[in-house]
């Protein structure tokens, strides 16, 4: 383990670090805009490994296992624009409001994160400025551009969840997460349940709220966009075959939903 002093820093990301925003198919013509807040598990070189062993940095506490492969394949199959975050949620969680204890977690599940202890205001501000803000600014800019171009936007926020949490098994294969939108989530719930082989969560294993979430409340609800969060159980997408199968399943579902939305005049014909 290598814990680098991150107390006072005006520059977090250096020339050897990856940019925070991962983007695929920016010219995609689908009305669906895909986001993935926990896509990557990179850590800025200045932060070392946050004082954690490698086996912790590959666990779900660091990223959403399997969702990167699903997101990339789904982007291709739907011809949809994907915007994703390269850095680990342990650096800063891009789906948490700043006031949330989980924004820069001192403890994730039962794991203490030494590199997040005793941060100065400047160090916290650097993580927000160089990781969180560019990601969400780009999502906002893309939505603005699509609006100017007369291109509809339906926001899909992609995540994965652990099969067991706090010793309790989770029965759902997939969950639909939402807050105020009553247009898209019922269609997605119905389509997934109609497949017959899935246990589908209705705001399970999580529910969206302003206190615990950022992407859907800020980019979806506040703008009045149709939106939903999608949570896939991680053991179903823990290898390439699972990722591909779930991308294909979701692509089929959302192609059907797009037809329905156009028929209901919720999207331009």
Foldseek 3Di string as FASTA:
>chain_A
DDAADLAADQAQADPPDDAFKDKDLLVQQFQEAEEEQFQAADDHVNGPNLPDDPVVSVDPQFGFAQQNLLQVLLCVLRSHMYIYTHHTCCLARLWAPPPACSGNDCARQHRGRNSSPPHDPNSVVNSCVRHNVVRVVVLVVSCVVCVVVVRHHAYEYEGEDEQAGPRRGDQFQKEKEDDPDPQPPVLLVVLVVVVPPTDYHYCPPHYDDPRGTDCCVPVNVVVVHNYIYMYGYNVQRNDNVSSNVVSVSVSVSVVVVVVVCCVVVVGPD
